[in-house]
Amino acid sequence: MKILLVGAQGKLGQKLINELNNHNNVIITELTGNAKDFNNLKTQAVGQDVLVSTVGAHSVEELVLIAKNMITIASENQQRIVWSGGAGSLWTNEHTRLIDIPIDDFPVELAAWKPAVYGHYEVLKLLQSSSIAWSYLSPALDFEDIPPRGLYQAKSSDSALYNSSGDSFASYLSGAKALTNEIINPQYLQQRFTIVEDY
């Protein structure tokens, strides 16, 4: 299986590479240059089986452009996309979603998360309206680059998962493992899935 990874330089991307390297017959190509450049992305996507994104969100517009580029190319090449998205569009157990807050009213203290919250939701909608094969991971509401606290569980859901302690938590390592499993053995085609660690 040949994989083109967009966003390989990030913390999640690096953990994903480590997990994928545990599997035989997997060849990972880390995208060089910018995924916003359609021709650059298209050239490096040639011959790949799966296009994977763990790209960070610098702006809503940038994230949407990268997603549109990937969807167009995947459609042309009959490739699959696995996208690591955000948790802002998951329903909480209080029946709320961050993306339902008008962007201009988003809490000032969370301003740095605006591109991820709104951008990843736009990407999800783009994937849902496309004709390609795709899977979209929304992590737990609390998604941190710290050691795992327990084993993770995955489920196709538009609602956040909560563990027996009442927490919606997952580590980056669990996110990388969940992405790896979906890349190698897809279980959630044309679906959004999410994870939680039980402890």
N, C-alpha and C. Protein backbone atom coordinates (compact mmCIF):
# COMPACT_ATOMS: atom_id res chain seq x y z
N MET A 1 0.84 -1.20 0.00
CA MET A 1 0.00 0.00 0.00
C MET A 1 0.88 1.24 0.00
N LYS A 2 0.57 2.16 -0.90
CA LYS A 2 1.33 3.39 -1.00
C LYS A 2 0.50 4.55 -0.46
N ILE A 3 1.10 5.32 0.43
CA ILE A 3 0.38 6.37 1.15
C ILE A 3 1.10 7.70 0.97
N LEU A 4 0.35 8.72 0.58
CA LEU A 4 0.88 10.08 0.56
C LEU A 4 0.35 10.80 1.80
N LEU A 5 1.26 11.25 2.64
CA LEU A 5 0.87 11.90 3.89
C LEU A 5 1.08 13.40 3.81
N VAL A 6 -0.01 14.13 3.98
CA VAL A 6 0.02 15.59 4.02
C VAL A 6 -0.01 16.00 5.49
N GLY A 7 0.96 16.77 5.92
CA GLY A 7 1.03 17.17 7.32
C GLY A 7 1.95 16.29 8.14
N ALA A 8 2.91 15.67 7.47
CA ALA A 8 3.81 14.72 8.13
C ALA A 8 4.69 15.38 9.18
N GLN A 9 4.89 16.69 9.07
CA GLN A 9 5.82 17.37 9.97
C GLN A 9 5.22 17.60 11.36
N GLY A 10 3.91 17.51 11.49
CA GLY A 10 3.27 17.78 12.77
C GLY A 10 3.43 16.62 13.76
N LYS A 11 3.05 16.88 15.00
CA LYS A 11 3.20 15.86 16.05
C LYS A 11 2.37 14.62 15.75
N LEU A 12 1.12 14.82 15.32
CA LEU A 12 0.28 13.68 14.99
C LEU A 12 0.81 12.96 13.77
N GLY A 13 1.26 13.70 12.78
CA GLY A 13 1.82 13.10 11.57
C GLY A 13 3.01 12.23 11.87
N GLN A 14 3.89 12.69 12.76
CA GLN A 14 5.07 11.90 13.12
C GLN A 14 4.68 10.61 13.84
N LYS A 15 3.70 10.70 14.72
CA LYS A 15 3.24 9.48 15.41
C LYS A 15 2.57 8.53 14.43
N LEU A 16 1.85 9.07 13.45
CA LEU A 16 1.22 8.22 12.44
C LEU A 16 2.28 7.48 11.62
N ILE A 17 3.34 8.16 11.24
CA ILE A 17 4.42 7.51 10.49
C ILE A 17 5.00 6.36 11.29
N ASN A 18 5.23 6.59 12.58
CA ASN A 18 5.78 5.52 13.44
C ASN A 18 4.85 4.31 13.48
N GLU A 19 3.56 4.56 13.56
CA GLU A 19 2.59 3.45 13.60
C GLU A 19 2.54 2.72 12.26
N LEU A 20 2.51 3.47 11.17
CA LEU A 20 2.46 2.85 9.85
C LEU A 20 3.70 2.03 9.56
N ASN A 21 4.83 2.46 10.11
CA ASN A 21 6.08 1.73 9.88
C ASN A 21 6.10 0.37 10.56
N ASN A 22 5.12 0.12 11.45
CA ASN A 22 5.00 -1.19 12.08
C ASN A 22 4.34 -2.21 11.16
N HIS A 23 3.86 -1.75 10.01
CA HIS A 23 3.16 -2.63 9.07
C HIS A 23 4.02 -2.90 7.85
N ASN A 24 4.04 -4.15 7.46
CA ASN A 24 4.78 -4.52 6.25
C ASN A 24 4.03 -4.05 5.01
N ASN A 25 4.77 -3.90 3.93
CA ASN A 25 4.18 -3.56 2.63
C ASN A 25 3.47 -2.21 2.62
N VAL A 26 3.92 -1.30 3.49
CA VAL A 26 3.42 0.07 3.49
C VAL A 26 4.55 1.00 3.11
N ILE A 27 4.32 1.80 2.08
CA ILE A 27 5.31 2.78 1.64
C ILE A 27 4.73 4.17 1.85
N ILE A 28 5.39 4.96 2.68
CA ILE A 28 4.90 6.30 3.03
C ILE A 28 5.70 7.35 2.28
N THR A 29 4.99 8.23 1.60
CA THR A 29 5.62 9.40 0.98
C THR A 29 5.14 10.63 1.73
N GLU A 30 6.08 11.39 2.28
CA GLU A 30 5.73 12.63 2.97
C GLU A 30 5.68 13.75 1.93
N LEU A 31 4.53 14.41 1.85
CA LEU A 31 4.39 15.49 0.89
C LEU A 31 5.45 16.56 1.13
N THR A 32 6.13 16.95 0.08
CA THR A 32 7.04 18.08 0.16
C THR A 32 6.39 19.27 -0.54
N GLY A 33 6.75 20.46 -0.10
CA GLY A 33 6.11 21.64 -0.66
C GLY A 33 4.74 21.83 -0.03
N ASN A 34 3.91 22.61 -0.68
CA ASN A 34 2.64 23.02 -0.09
C ASN A 34 1.47 22.30 -0.74
N ALA A 35 0.57 21.77 0.08
CA ALA A 35 -0.62 21.08 -0.43
C ALA A 35 -1.62 22.06 -1.03
N LYS A 36 -1.44 23.36 -0.79
CA LYS A 36 -2.32 24.34 -1.43
C LYS A 36 -2.02 24.47 -2.92
N ASP A 37 -0.81 24.06 -3.30
CA ASP A 37 -0.39 24.09 -4.70
C ASP A 37 -0.93 22.83 -5.38
N PHE A 38 -1.98 22.99 -6.18
CA PHE A 38 -2.65 21.84 -6.77
C PHE A 38 -1.70 20.96 -7.58
N ASN A 39 -0.90 21.58 -8.42
CA ASN A 39 0.00 20.80 -9.29
C ASN A 39 1.06 20.07 -8.49
N ASN A 40 1.54 20.70 -7.42
CA ASN A 40 2.52 20.05 -6.56
C ASN A 40 1.92 18.81 -5.90
N LEU A 41 0.71 18.95 -5.39
CA LEU A 41 0.03 17.83 -4.76
C LEU A 41 -0.29 16.74 -5.77
N LYS A 42 -0.76 17.15 -6.93
CA LYS A 42 -1.14 16.18 -7.97
C LYS A 42 0.05 15.35 -8.41
N THR A 43 1.20 15.99 -8.58
CA THR A 43 2.40 15.29 -9.01
C THR A 43 2.81 14.22 -8.00
N GLN A 44 2.76 14.57 -6.73
CA GLN A 44 3.21 13.63 -5.69
C GLN A 44 2.16 12.57 -5.37
N ALA A 45 0.93 12.79 -5.81
CA ALA A 45 -0.14 11.82 -5.57
C ALA A 45 -0.14 10.69 -6.59
N VAL A 46 0.61 10.85 -7.68
CA VAL A 46 0.64 9.83 -8.73
C VAL A 46 1.13 8.51 -8.16
N GLY A 47 0.37 7.44 -8.40
CA GLY A 47 0.77 6.11 -7.97
C GLY A 47 0.46 5.77 -6.53
N GLN A 48 -0.13 6.70 -5.80
CA GLN A 48 -0.47 6.45 -4.40
C GLN A 48 -1.84 5.76 -4.31
N ASP A 49 -2.02 4.97 -3.26
CA ASP A 49 -3.31 4.31 -3.02
C ASP A 49 -4.22 5.14 -2.12
N VAL A 50 -3.62 5.77 -1.12
CA VAL A 50 -4.39 6.52 -0.12
C VAL A 50 -3.75 7.88 0.10
N LEU A 51 -4.57 8.92 0.12
CA LEU A 51 -4.11 10.26 0.47
C LEU A 51 -4.57 10.52 1.91
N VAL A 52 -3.63 10.85 2.77
CA VAL A 52 -3.92 11.01 4.20
C VAL A 52 -3.55 12.42 4.62
N SER A 53 -4.42 13.03 5.41
CA SER A 53 -4.13 14.38 5.91
C SER A 53 -4.15 14.42 7.44
N THR A 54 -3.04 14.92 8.00
CA THR A 54 -2.99 15.30 9.41
C THR A 54 -2.59 16.77 9.49
N VAL A 55 -2.93 17.51 8.45
CA VAL A 55 -2.48 18.89 8.32
C VAL A 55 -3.13 19.77 9.38
N GLY A 56 -2.35 20.71 9.90
CA GLY A 56 -2.88 21.67 10.86
C GLY A 56 -3.64 22.77 10.14
N ALA A 57 -4.48 23.46 10.91
CA ALA A 57 -5.34 24.49 10.32
C ALA A 57 -4.81 25.87 10.67
N HIS A 58 -4.25 26.55 9.67
CA HIS A 58 -3.80 27.93 9.87
C HIS A 58 -4.93 28.92 9.58
N SER A 59 -5.83 28.50 8.70
CA SER A 59 -7.01 29.30 8.42
C SER A 59 -8.07 28.37 7.84
N VAL A 60 -9.33 28.79 7.93
CA VAL A 60 -10.42 28.01 7.35
C VAL A 60 -10.21 27.87 5.84
N GLU A 61 -9.86 28.98 5.21
CA GLU A 61 -9.71 29.00 3.75
C GLU A 61 -8.60 28.05 3.29
N GLU A 62 -7.49 28.02 4.03
CA GLU A 62 -6.38 27.15 3.65
C GLU A 62 -6.78 25.69 3.77
N LEU A 63 -7.45 25.33 4.85
CA LEU A 63 -7.86 23.95 5.06
C LEU A 63 -8.84 23.51 3.97
N VAL A 64 -9.77 24.37 3.64
CA VAL A 64 -10.75 24.05 2.59
C VAL A 64 -10.07 23.88 1.24
N LEU A 65 -9.11 24.73 0.94
CA LEU A 65 -8.40 24.63 -0.34
C LEU A 65 -7.63 23.31 -0.43
N ILE A 66 -6.95 22.94 0.63
CA ILE A 66 -6.20 21.67 0.65
C ILE A 66 -7.16 20.50 0.45
N ALA A 67 -8.29 20.54 1.13
CA ALA A 67 -9.27 19.46 1.01
C ALA A 67 -9.82 19.38 -0.41
N LYS A 68 -10.15 20.53 -0.99
CA LYS A 68 -10.66 20.53 -2.36
C LYS A 68 -9.63 19.96 -3.33
N ASN A 69 -8.37 20.33 -3.14
CA ASN A 69 -7.31 19.79 -3.99
C ASN A 69 -7.23 18.27 -3.86
N MET A 70 -7.25 17.79 -2.63
CA MET A 70 -7.13 16.36 -2.39
C MET A 70 -8.33 15.60 -2.97
N ILE A 71 -9.53 16.14 -2.80
CA ILE A 71 -10.73 15.48 -3.30
C ILE A 71 -10.72 15.42 -4.83
N THR A 72 -10.34 16.52 -5.46
CA THR A 72 -10.27 16.54 -6.92
C THR A 72 -9.28 15.50 -7.44
N ILE A 73 -8.12 15.46 -6.83
CA ILE A 73 -7.07 14.53 -7.27
C ILE A 73 -7.48 13.09 -6.98
N ALA A 74 -8.04 12.84 -5.80
CA ALA A 74 -8.48 11.48 -5.45
C ALA A 74 -9.57 11.00 -6.40
N SER A 75 -10.44 11.92 -6.82
CA SER A 75 -11.50 11.57 -7.75
C SER A 75 -10.93 11.20 -9.11
N GLU A 76 -9.96 11.96 -9.56
CA GLU A 76 -9.33 11.69 -10.85
C GLU A 76 -8.57 10.36 -10.85
N ASN A 77 -7.94 10.05 -9.72
CA ASN A 77 -7.07 8.87 -9.64
C ASN A 77 -7.72 7.67 -8.98
N GLN A 78 -8.99 7.81 -8.59
CA GLN A 78 -9.70 6.75 -7.87
C GLN A 78 -8.93 6.33 -6.62
N GLN A 79 -8.56 7.33 -5.83
CA GLN A 79 -7.84 7.11 -4.59
C GLN A 79 -8.76 7.34 -3.40
N ARG A 80 -8.35 6.82 -2.27
CA ARG A 80 -9.11 6.99 -1.03
C ARG A 80 -8.47 8.09 -0.20
N ILE A 81 -9.30 8.81 0.56
CA ILE A 81 -8.80 9.84 1.47
C ILE A 81 -9.11 9.44 2.91
N VAL A 82 -8.12 9.57 3.77
CA VAL A 82 -8.33 9.45 5.22
C VAL A 82 -7.92 10.78 5.82
N TRP A 83 -8.87 11.44 6.47
CA TRP A 83 -8.65 12.82 6.97
C TRP A 83 -8.75 12.84 8.50
N SER A 84 -7.72 13.39 9.12
CA SER A 84 -7.75 13.62 10.56
C SER A 84 -8.33 15.01 10.80
N GLY A 85 -9.55 15.05 11.28
CA GLY A 85 -10.26 16.31 11.43
C GLY A 85 -10.36 16.79 12.86
N GLY A 86 -11.40 17.57 13.12
CA GLY A 86 -11.57 18.16 14.44
C GLY A 86 -12.76 17.60 15.18
N ALA A 87 -12.83 17.94 16.47
CA ALA A 87 -13.92 17.46 17.32
C ALA A 87 -14.99 18.53 17.52
N GLY A 88 -14.79 19.70 16.92
CA GLY A 88 -15.70 20.81 17.17
C GLY A 88 -17.10 20.61 16.62
N SER A 89 -17.27 19.64 15.71
CA SER A 89 -18.61 19.39 15.17
C SER A 89 -19.27 18.17 15.79
N LEU A 90 -18.63 17.59 16.82
CA LEU A 90 -19.26 16.48 17.54
C LEU A 90 -20.24 17.03 18.58
N TRP A 91 -21.36 16.33 18.73
CA TRP A 91 -22.30 16.67 19.78
C TRP A 91 -21.74 16.24 21.14
N THR A 92 -21.79 17.13 22.10
CA THR A 92 -21.38 16.79 23.46
C THR A 92 -22.56 16.15 24.19
N ASN A 93 -22.30 15.66 25.40
CA ASN A 93 -23.42 15.08 26.16
C ASN A 93 -24.35 16.16 26.73
N GLU A 94 -23.97 17.43 26.51
CA GLU A 94 -24.89 18.54 26.85
C GLU A 94 -25.68 18.97 25.61
N HIS A 95 -25.56 18.20 24.52
CA HIS A 95 -26.27 18.47 23.26
C HIS A 95 -25.87 19.81 22.66
N THR A 96 -24.57 20.11 22.74
CA THR A 96 -24.04 21.33 22.13
C THR A 96 -22.90 20.95 21.18
N ARG A 97 -22.59 21.87 20.26
CA ARG A 97 -21.45 21.70 19.36
C ARG A 97 -20.74 23.04 19.23
N LEU A 98 -19.42 23.02 19.24
CA LEU A 98 -18.67 24.26 19.11
C LEU A 98 -18.99 24.97 17.80
N ILE A 99 -19.20 24.21 16.72
CA ILE A 99 -19.40 24.85 15.42
C ILE A 99 -20.74 25.58 15.34
N ASP A 100 -21.61 25.38 16.32
CA ASP A 100 -22.88 26.10 16.31
C ASP A 100 -22.76 27.50 16.90
N ILE A 101 -21.57 27.81 17.46
CA ILE A 101 -21.31 29.17 17.92
C ILE A 101 -20.96 30.01 16.69
N PRO A 102 -21.66 31.12 16.42
CA PRO A 102 -21.27 31.96 15.28
C PRO A 102 -19.79 32.32 15.37
N ILE A 103 -19.10 32.26 14.25
CA ILE A 103 -17.64 32.43 14.27
C ILE A 103 -17.22 33.76 14.89
N ASP A 104 -18.03 34.80 14.71
CA ASP A 104 -17.69 36.11 15.28
C ASP A 104 -17.93 36.15 16.78
N ASP A 105 -18.66 35.18 17.31
CA ASP A 105 -18.93 35.13 18.74
C ASP A 105 -18.10 34.08 19.45
N PHE A 106 -17.14 33.50 18.73
CA PHE A 106 -16.33 32.43 19.32
C PHE A 106 -15.53 32.99 20.50
N PRO A 107 -15.44 32.23 21.60
CA PRO A 107 -14.75 32.74 22.80
C PRO A 107 -13.33 33.20 22.50
N VAL A 108 -13.00 34.37 23.01
CA VAL A 108 -11.68 34.95 22.74
C VAL A 108 -10.56 34.04 23.21
N GLU A 109 -10.76 33.38 24.34
CA GLU A 109 -9.70 32.54 24.89
C GLU A 109 -9.46 31.28 24.05
N LEU A 110 -10.39 30.98 23.16
CA LEU A 110 -10.25 29.82 22.27
C LEU A 110 -10.00 30.23 20.82
N ALA A 111 -9.65 31.48 20.61
CA ALA A 111 -9.52 32.01 19.25
C ALA A 111 -8.56 31.20 18.38
N ALA A 112 -7.52 30.66 18.97
CA ALA A 112 -6.53 29.90 18.20
C ALA A 112 -7.13 28.64 17.58
N TRP A 113 -8.28 28.20 18.11
CA TRP A 113 -8.90 26.97 17.62
C TRP A 113 -9.92 27.23 16.51
N LYS A 114 -10.20 28.50 16.23
CA LYS A 114 -11.22 28.80 15.23
C LYS A 114 -10.96 28.16 13.87
N PRO A 115 -9.73 28.25 13.32
CA PRO A 115 -9.51 27.62 12.01
C PRO A 115 -9.79 26.12 12.02
N ALA A 116 -9.40 25.43 13.11
CA ALA A 116 -9.62 23.99 13.18
C ALA A 116 -11.10 23.66 13.34
N VAL A 117 -11.79 24.38 14.21
CA VAL A 117 -13.20 24.10 14.48
C VAL A 117 -14.04 24.27 13.22
N TYR A 118 -13.92 25.44 12.60
CA TYR A 118 -14.77 25.74 11.45
C TYR A 118 -14.22 25.14 10.15
N GLY A 119 -12.90 25.10 10.02
CA GLY A 119 -12.30 24.56 8.81
C GLY A 119 -12.53 23.07 8.64
N HIS A 120 -12.30 22.31 9.70
CA HIS A 120 -12.47 20.86 9.60
C HIS A 120 -13.94 20.49 9.37
N TYR A 121 -14.85 21.29 9.87
CA TYR A 121 -16.27 21.01 9.61
C TYR A 121 -16.60 21.23 8.13
N GLU A 122 -16.02 22.25 7.54
CA GLU A 122 -16.21 22.48 6.11
C GLU A 122 -15.63 21.32 5.30
N VAL A 123 -14.49 20.80 5.74
CA VAL A 123 -13.89 19.66 5.06
C VAL A 123 -14.80 18.44 5.15
N LEU A 124 -15.37 18.19 6.32
CA LEU A 124 -16.28 17.06 6.49
C LEU A 124 -17.45 17.17 5.51
N LYS A 125 -18.00 18.36 5.37
CA LYS A 125 -19.12 18.55 4.45
C LYS A 125 -18.69 18.33 3.00
N LEU A 126 -17.48 18.76 2.67
CA LEU A 126 -16.96 18.53 1.32
C LEU A 126 -16.82 17.03 1.03
N LEU A 127 -16.31 16.30 1.98
CA LEU A 127 -16.16 14.86 1.81
C LEU A 127 -17.52 14.19 1.67
N GLN A 128 -18.45 14.60 2.51
CA GLN A 128 -19.78 13.99 2.49
C GLN A 128 -20.51 14.22 1.16
N SER A 129 -20.20 15.32 0.51
CA SER A 129 -20.86 15.63 -0.77
C SER A 129 -20.08 15.13 -1.97
N SER A 130 -18.94 14.48 -1.73
CA SER A 130 -18.11 13.97 -2.82
C SER A 130 -18.50 12.55 -3.17
N SER A 131 -17.93 12.05 -4.26
CA SER A 131 -18.20 10.68 -4.71
C SER A 131 -17.02 9.75 -4.46
N ILE A 132 -16.00 10.23 -3.75
CA ILE A 132 -14.81 9.42 -3.52
C ILE A 132 -14.99 8.54 -2.28
N ALA A 133 -14.06 7.62 -2.08
CA ALA A 133 -14.00 6.82 -0.86
C ALA A 133 -13.24 7.62 0.19
N TRP A 134 -13.84 7.82 1.35
CA TRP A 134 -13.20 8.63 2.38
C TRP A 134 -13.55 8.12 3.78
N SER A 135 -12.70 8.47 4.73
CA SER A 135 -12.95 8.26 6.16
C SER A 135 -12.47 9.52 6.87
N TYR A 136 -13.17 9.90 7.93
CA TYR A 136 -12.87 11.15 8.63
C TYR A 136 -12.84 10.88 10.13
N LEU A 137 -11.69 11.13 10.74
CA LEU A 137 -11.56 10.95 12.19
C LEU A 137 -11.79 12.26 12.92
N SER A 138 -12.79 12.27 13.79
CA SER A 138 -12.92 13.34 14.78
C SER A 138 -12.39 12.78 16.09
N PRO A 139 -11.37 13.37 16.67
CA PRO A 139 -10.83 12.82 17.92
C PRO A 139 -11.78 13.08 19.08
N ALA A 140 -11.37 12.67 20.25
CA ALA A 140 -12.14 12.98 21.45
C ALA A 140 -12.15 14.50 21.66
N LEU A 141 -13.09 14.97 22.47
CA LEU A 141 -13.18 16.41 22.74
C LEU A 141 -11.89 16.94 23.36
N ASP A 142 -11.27 16.13 24.23
CA ASP A 142 -9.99 16.47 24.84
C ASP A 142 -8.94 15.60 24.15
N PHE A 143 -8.17 16.20 23.25
CA PHE A 143 -7.21 15.47 22.42
C PHE A 143 -5.85 16.09 22.68
N GLU A 144 -4.95 15.32 23.33
CA GLU A 144 -3.71 15.91 23.81
C GLU A 144 -2.50 15.06 23.44
N ASP A 145 -1.38 15.72 23.31
CA ASP A 145 -0.11 15.05 23.03
C ASP A 145 0.56 14.65 24.34
N ILE A 146 -0.07 13.72 25.03
CA ILE A 146 0.45 13.17 26.28
C ILE A 146 0.32 11.65 26.20
N PRO A 147 1.00 10.90 27.08
CA PRO A 147 0.89 9.44 27.01
C PRO A 147 -0.55 8.97 27.16
N PRO A 148 -0.90 7.88 26.49
CA PRO A 148 -2.27 7.34 26.62
C PRO A 148 -2.61 7.03 28.08
N ARG A 149 -3.87 7.20 28.40
CA ARG A 149 -4.35 6.86 29.74
C ARG A 149 -5.03 5.50 29.77
N GLY A 150 -5.30 4.96 28.60
CA GLY A 150 -5.96 3.67 28.51
C GLY A 150 -6.08 3.26 27.06
N LEU A 151 -6.71 2.11 26.82
CA LEU A 151 -6.92 1.65 25.46
C LEU A 151 -8.04 2.46 24.81
N TYR A 152 -7.89 2.70 23.52
CA TYR A 152 -8.91 3.49 22.85
C TYR A 152 -9.99 2.61 22.23
N GLN A 153 -11.16 3.20 22.09
CA GLN A 153 -12.26 2.58 21.37
C GLN A 153 -12.65 3.52 20.24
N ALA A 154 -13.10 2.96 19.13
CA ALA A 154 -13.52 3.75 17.97
C ALA A 154 -14.95 3.39 17.60
N LYS A 155 -15.67 4.38 17.08
CA LYS A 155 -17.05 4.15 16.69
C LYS A 155 -17.47 5.20 15.67
N SER A 156 -18.27 4.79 14.70
CA SER A 156 -18.87 5.75 13.78
C SER A 156 -19.92 6.54 14.53
N SER A 157 -19.73 7.84 14.64
CA SER A 157 -20.65 8.64 15.46
C SER A 157 -20.49 10.12 15.16
N ASP A 158 -21.61 10.85 15.25
CA ASP A 158 -21.58 12.31 15.18
C ASP A 158 -21.60 12.91 16.58
N SER A 159 -21.58 12.05 17.59
CA SER A 159 -21.53 12.48 18.98
C SER A 159 -20.22 12.04 19.61
N ALA A 160 -19.70 12.85 20.51
CA ALA A 160 -18.48 12.49 21.20
C ALA A 160 -18.70 11.24 22.04
N LEU A 161 -17.67 10.44 22.17
CA LEU A 161 -17.72 9.26 23.03
C LEU A 161 -17.18 9.63 24.40
N TYR A 162 -17.78 9.08 25.42
CA TYR A 162 -17.34 9.31 26.80
C TYR A 162 -16.99 7.97 27.43
N ASN A 163 -15.94 7.97 28.25
CA ASN A 163 -15.53 6.72 28.89
C ASN A 163 -16.25 6.53 30.23
N SER A 164 -15.89 5.47 30.92
CA SER A 164 -16.57 5.13 32.17
C SER A 164 -16.30 6.15 33.27
N SER A 165 -15.28 7.00 33.05
CA SER A 165 -15.00 8.08 34.01
C SER A 165 -15.75 9.36 33.65
N GLY A 166 -16.51 9.31 32.56
CA GLY A 166 -17.26 10.49 32.13
C GLY A 166 -16.46 11.48 31.31
N ASP A 167 -15.27 11.05 30.85
CA ASP A 167 -14.40 11.94 30.09
C ASP A 167 -14.43 11.60 28.61
N SER A 168 -14.27 12.61 27.76
CA SER A 168 -14.06 12.40 26.33
C SER A 168 -12.61 12.79 26.05
N PHE A 169 -11.72 11.81 26.22
CA PHE A 169 -10.27 12.06 26.12
C PHE A 169 -9.63 11.03 25.21
N ALA A 170 -8.65 11.48 24.44
CA ALA A 170 -7.77 10.57 23.69
C ALA A 170 -6.42 11.25 23.48
N SER A 171 -5.38 10.45 23.46
CA SER A 171 -4.03 10.95 23.22
C SER A 171 -3.74 10.95 21.72
N TYR A 172 -2.73 11.71 21.34
CA TYR A 172 -2.30 11.71 19.94
C TYR A 172 -1.90 10.31 19.49
N LEU A 173 -1.28 9.54 20.39
CA LEU A 173 -0.87 8.19 20.02
C LEU A 173 -2.07 7.33 19.67
N SER A 174 -3.14 7.44 20.44
CA SER A 174 -4.35 6.69 20.12
C SER A 174 -4.94 7.18 18.80
N GLY A 175 -4.87 8.47 18.56
CA GLY A 175 -5.33 9.00 17.28
C GLY A 175 -4.54 8.42 16.12
N ALA A 176 -3.22 8.32 16.30
CA ALA A 176 -2.36 7.76 15.26
C ALA A 176 -2.68 6.28 15.03
N LYS A 177 -2.95 5.56 16.10
CA LYS A 177 -3.30 4.14 15.97
C LYS A 177 -4.64 3.97 15.25
N ALA A 178 -5.60 4.81 15.59
CA ALA A 178 -6.92 4.73 14.95
C ALA A 178 -6.82 5.06 13.46
N LEU A 179 -6.03 6.08 13.13
CA LEU A 179 -5.83 6.43 11.72
C LEU A 179 -5.14 5.29 10.98
N THR A 180 -4.13 4.71 11.59
CA THR A 180 -3.41 3.60 10.98
C THR A 180 -4.34 2.44 10.68
N ASN A 181 -5.17 2.09 11.64
CA ASN A 181 -6.12 0.99 11.44
C ASN A 181 -7.07 1.27 10.30
N GLU A 182 -7.51 2.52 10.20
CA GLU A 182 -8.46 2.87 9.14
C GLU A 182 -7.77 2.91 7.77
N ILE A 183 -6.53 3.32 7.75
CA ILE A 183 -5.78 3.33 6.49
C ILE A 183 -5.55 1.90 6.00
N ILE A 184 -5.10 1.04 6.88
CA ILE A 184 -4.74 -0.33 6.50
C ILE A 184 -5.97 -1.20 6.27
N ASN A 185 -6.96 -1.07 7.14
CA ASN A 185 -8.14 -1.94 7.09
C ASN A 185 -9.39 -1.09 7.30
N PRO A 186 -9.84 -0.39 6.26
CA PRO A 186 -10.94 0.57 6.44
C PRO A 186 -12.23 -0.05 6.97
N GLN A 187 -12.73 0.55 8.03
CA GLN A 187 -13.99 0.12 8.65
C GLN A 187 -15.07 1.20 8.55
N TYR A 188 -14.66 2.41 8.21
CA TYR A 188 -15.60 3.54 8.28
C TYR A 188 -15.64 4.31 6.96
N LEU A 189 -15.77 3.61 5.86
CA LEU A 189 -15.83 4.28 4.57
C LEU A 189 -17.09 5.13 4.46
N GLN A 190 -16.92 6.34 3.94
CA GLN A 190 -18.01 7.30 3.82
C GLN A 190 -18.62 7.63 5.19
N GLN A 191 -17.79 7.59 6.22
CA GLN A 191 -18.28 7.86 7.57
C GLN A 191 -17.28 8.70 8.36
N ARG A 192 -17.83 9.41 9.33
CA ARG A 192 -17.01 10.06 10.37
C ARG A 192 -16.98 9.11 11.56
N PHE A 193 -15.77 8.91 12.11
CA PHE A 193 -15.67 8.10 13.32
C PHE A 193 -14.90 8.87 14.37
N THR A 194 -15.06 8.46 15.61
CA THR A 194 -14.42 9.16 16.70
C THR A 194 -13.87 8.13 17.70
N ILE A 195 -13.07 8.60 18.63
CA ILE A 195 -12.39 7.71 19.57
C ILE A 195 -12.48 8.24 21.00
N VAL A 196 -12.21 7.33 21.93
CA VAL A 196 -12.10 7.72 23.34
C VAL A 196 -11.22 6.67 24.02
N GLU A 197 -10.47 7.09 25.02
CA GLU A 197 -9.69 6.16 25.82
C GLU A 197 -10.44 5.85 27.10
N ASP A 198 -10.51 4.56 27.44
CA ASP A 198 -11.16 4.18 28.69
C ASP A 198 -10.13 3.99 29.78
N TYR A 199 -10.43 4.48 30.96
CA TYR A 199 -9.52 4.35 32.11
C TYR A 199 -10.31 4.51 33.39
